[in-house]
Amino acid sequence: MPVPRKITLLQVYALTTTTYEVKTEDFYKQLSRTLKNVNRGDLTLVIGDFNAKLGNEIPLATGPFGLGIVNEAGKRLKDLH
């Protein structure tokens, strides 16, 4: 019998690309801290609007549908841990 797992779902709406850099940096720091506090055994899903263009940089996020050129928000999302 499979072991039950917890699911952690984070619904995220990032700031727009015209927001001050300090606020954007604070947003990603808080998101990173939140992710570090999630139990490692949990299945973690982060969904929402990051105002990011990923191109084909993150196939796990875009599947075969990544289009365009990566923008600054896409670079931040790619570097998120």
C-alpha atoms as a PDB file:
ATOM      1  CA  MET A   1       0.000   0.000   0.000  1.00  0.00           C
ATOM      2  CA  PRO A   2       1.443   3.426  -0.942  1.00  0.00           C
ATOM      3  CA  VAL A   3       2.385   5.784   1.859  1.00  0.00           C
ATOM      4  CA  PRO A   4       0.091   8.833   1.990  1.00  0.00           C
ATOM      5  CA  ARG A   5       1.815  12.135   1.216  1.00  0.00           C
ATOM      6  CA  LYS A   6       0.879  15.641   2.123  1.00  0.00           C
ATOM      7  CA  ILE A   7       0.455  18.185  -0.630  1.00  0.00           C
ATOM      8  CA  THR A   8       1.559  21.781  -0.156  1.00  0.00           C
ATOM      9  CA  LEU A   9       0.015  24.173  -2.653  1.00  0.00           C
ATOM     10  CA  LEU A  10       1.291  27.731  -2.945  1.00  0.00           C
ATOM     11  CA  GLN A  11      -0.811  30.154  -4.967  1.00  0.00           C
ATOM     12  CA  VAL A  12       1.430  33.067  -5.944  1.00  0.00           C
ATOM     13  CA  TYR A  13       0.902  36.350  -7.740  1.00  0.00           C
ATOM     14  CA  ALA A  14       4.195  38.137  -8.349  1.00  0.00           C
ATOM     15  CA  LEU A  15       4.572  41.861  -8.626  1.00  0.00           C
ATOM     16  CA  THR A  16       4.521  43.406 -12.071  1.00  0.00           C
ATOM     17  CA  THR A  17       7.741  44.096 -13.925  1.00  0.00           C
ATOM     18  CA  THR A  18       7.300  47.840 -13.288  1.00  0.00           C
ATOM     19  CA  THR A  19       7.438  47.420  -9.494  1.00  0.00           C
ATOM     20  CA  TYR A  20      10.436  48.779  -7.616  1.00  0.00           C
ATOM     21  CA  GLU A  21      13.364  46.349  -7.477  1.00  0.00           C
ATOM     22  CA  VAL A  22      13.399  46.364  -3.648  1.00  0.00           C
ATOM     23  CA  LYS A  23       9.795  45.149  -3.457  1.00  0.00           C
ATOM     24  CA  THR A  24      10.433  42.511  -6.113  1.00  0.00           C
ATOM     25  CA  GLU A  25      13.522  41.292  -4.248  1.00  0.00           C
ATOM     26  CA  ASP A  26      11.503  41.121  -0.998  1.00  0.00           C
ATOM     27  CA  PHE A  27       8.796  39.098  -2.747  1.00  0.00           C
ATOM     28  CA  TYR A  28      11.267  36.473  -3.993  1.00  0.00           C
ATOM     29  CA  LYS A  29      13.078  36.326  -0.631  1.00  0.00           C
ATOM     30  CA  GLN A  30       9.773  35.662   1.142  1.00  0.00           C
ATOM     31  CA  LEU A  31       8.789  33.021  -1.405  1.00  0.00           C
ATOM     32  CA  SER A  32      12.178  31.330  -1.013  1.00  0.00           C
ATOM     33  CA  ARG A  33      11.827  31.327   2.801  1.00  0.00           C
ATOM     34  CA  THR A  34       8.338  29.874   2.483  1.00  0.00           C
ATOM     35  CA  LEU A  35       9.572  27.074   0.218  1.00  0.00           C
ATOM     36  CA  LYS A  36      12.388  26.246   2.643  1.00  0.00           C
ATOM     37  CA  ASN A  37       9.812  25.819   5.428  1.00  0.00           C
ATOM     38  CA  VAL A  38       7.782  23.242   3.503  1.00  0.00           C
ATOM     39  CA  ASN A  39       8.256  19.678   4.709  1.00  0.00           C
ATOM     40  CA  ARG A  40      10.646  17.969   2.274  1.00  0.00           C
ATOM     41  CA  GLY A  41       8.380  14.914   2.161  1.00  0.00           C
ATOM     42  CA  ASP A  42       5.467  16.953   0.838  1.00  0.00           C
ATOM     43  CA  LEU A  43       4.540  17.148  -2.805  1.00  0.00           C
ATOM     44  CA  THR A  44       4.907  20.906  -3.379  1.00  0.00           C
ATOM     45  CA  LEU A  45       3.121  22.757  -6.169  1.00  0.00           C
ATOM     46  CA  VAL A  46       3.742  26.450  -6.815  1.00  0.00           C
ATOM     47  CA  ILE A  47       1.205  27.970  -9.177  1.00  0.00           C
ATOM     48  CA  GLY A  48       0.185  31.482 -10.070  1.00  0.00           C
ATOM     49  CA  ASP A  49       1.192  34.476 -12.122  1.00  0.00           C
ATOM     50  CA  PHE A  50       4.891  35.301 -12.028  1.00  0.00           C
ATOM     51  CA  ASN A  51       4.723  37.764 -14.952  1.00  0.00           C
ATOM     52  CA  ALA A  52       7.544  35.688 -16.381  1.00  0.00           C
ATOM     53  CA  LYS A  53       8.499  34.670 -19.874  1.00  0.00           C
ATOM     54  CA  LEU A  54      10.408  31.404 -19.661  1.00  0.00           C
ATOM     55  CA  GLY A  55      10.987  30.456 -23.268  1.00  0.00           C
ATOM     56  CA  ASN A  56      12.135  26.834 -23.146  1.00  0.00           C
ATOM     57  CA  GLU A  57      14.354  27.440 -20.094  1.00  0.00           C
ATOM     58  CA  ILE A  58      12.231  25.487 -17.597  1.00  0.00           C
ATOM     59  CA  PRO A  59      10.578  22.531 -19.376  1.00  0.00           C
ATOM     60  CA  LEU A  60       9.114  21.267 -16.079  1.00  0.00           C
ATOM     61  CA  ALA A  61       7.134  24.516 -15.817  1.00  0.00           C
ATOM     62  CA  THR A  62       6.174  25.021 -19.448  1.00  0.00           C
ATOM     63  CA  GLY A  63       6.166  21.545 -20.923  1.00  0.00           C
ATOM     64  CA  PRO A  64       6.418  21.796 -24.708  1.00  0.00           C
ATOM     65  CA  PHE A  65       4.627  25.169 -24.666  1.00  0.00           C
ATOM     66  CA  GLY A  66       7.464  27.542 -23.702  1.00  0.00           C
ATOM     67  CA  LEU A  67       7.574  30.483 -26.091  1.00  0.00           C
ATOM     68  CA  GLY A  68       9.445  33.726 -26.409  1.00  0.00           C
ATOM     69  CA  ILE A  69      12.634  35.023 -24.901  1.00  0.00           C
ATOM     70  CA  VAL A  70      13.280  34.846 -21.160  1.00  0.00           C
ATOM     71  CA  ASN A  71      12.629  38.175 -19.404  1.00  0.00           C
ATOM     72  CA  GLU A  72      13.961  39.373 -16.016  1.00  0.00           C
ATOM     73  CA  ALA A  73      11.007  37.834 -14.168  1.00  0.00           C
ATOM     74  CA  GLY A  74      11.705  34.549 -15.959  1.00  0.00           C
ATOM     75  CA  LYS A  75      15.347  34.658 -14.840  1.00  0.00           C
ATOM     76  CA  ARG A  76      14.256  35.206 -11.227  1.00  0.00           C
ATOM     77  CA  LEU A  77      11.804  32.327 -11.416  1.00  0.00           C
ATOM     78  CA  LYS A  78      14.444  30.065 -12.931  1.00  0.00           C
ATOM     79  CA  ASP A  79      16.863  30.900 -10.096  1.00  0.00           C
ATOM     80  CA  LEU A  80      14.278  30.406  -7.337  1.00  0.00           C
ATOM     81  CA  HIS A  81      15.100  27.648  -4.852  1.00  0.00           C
END
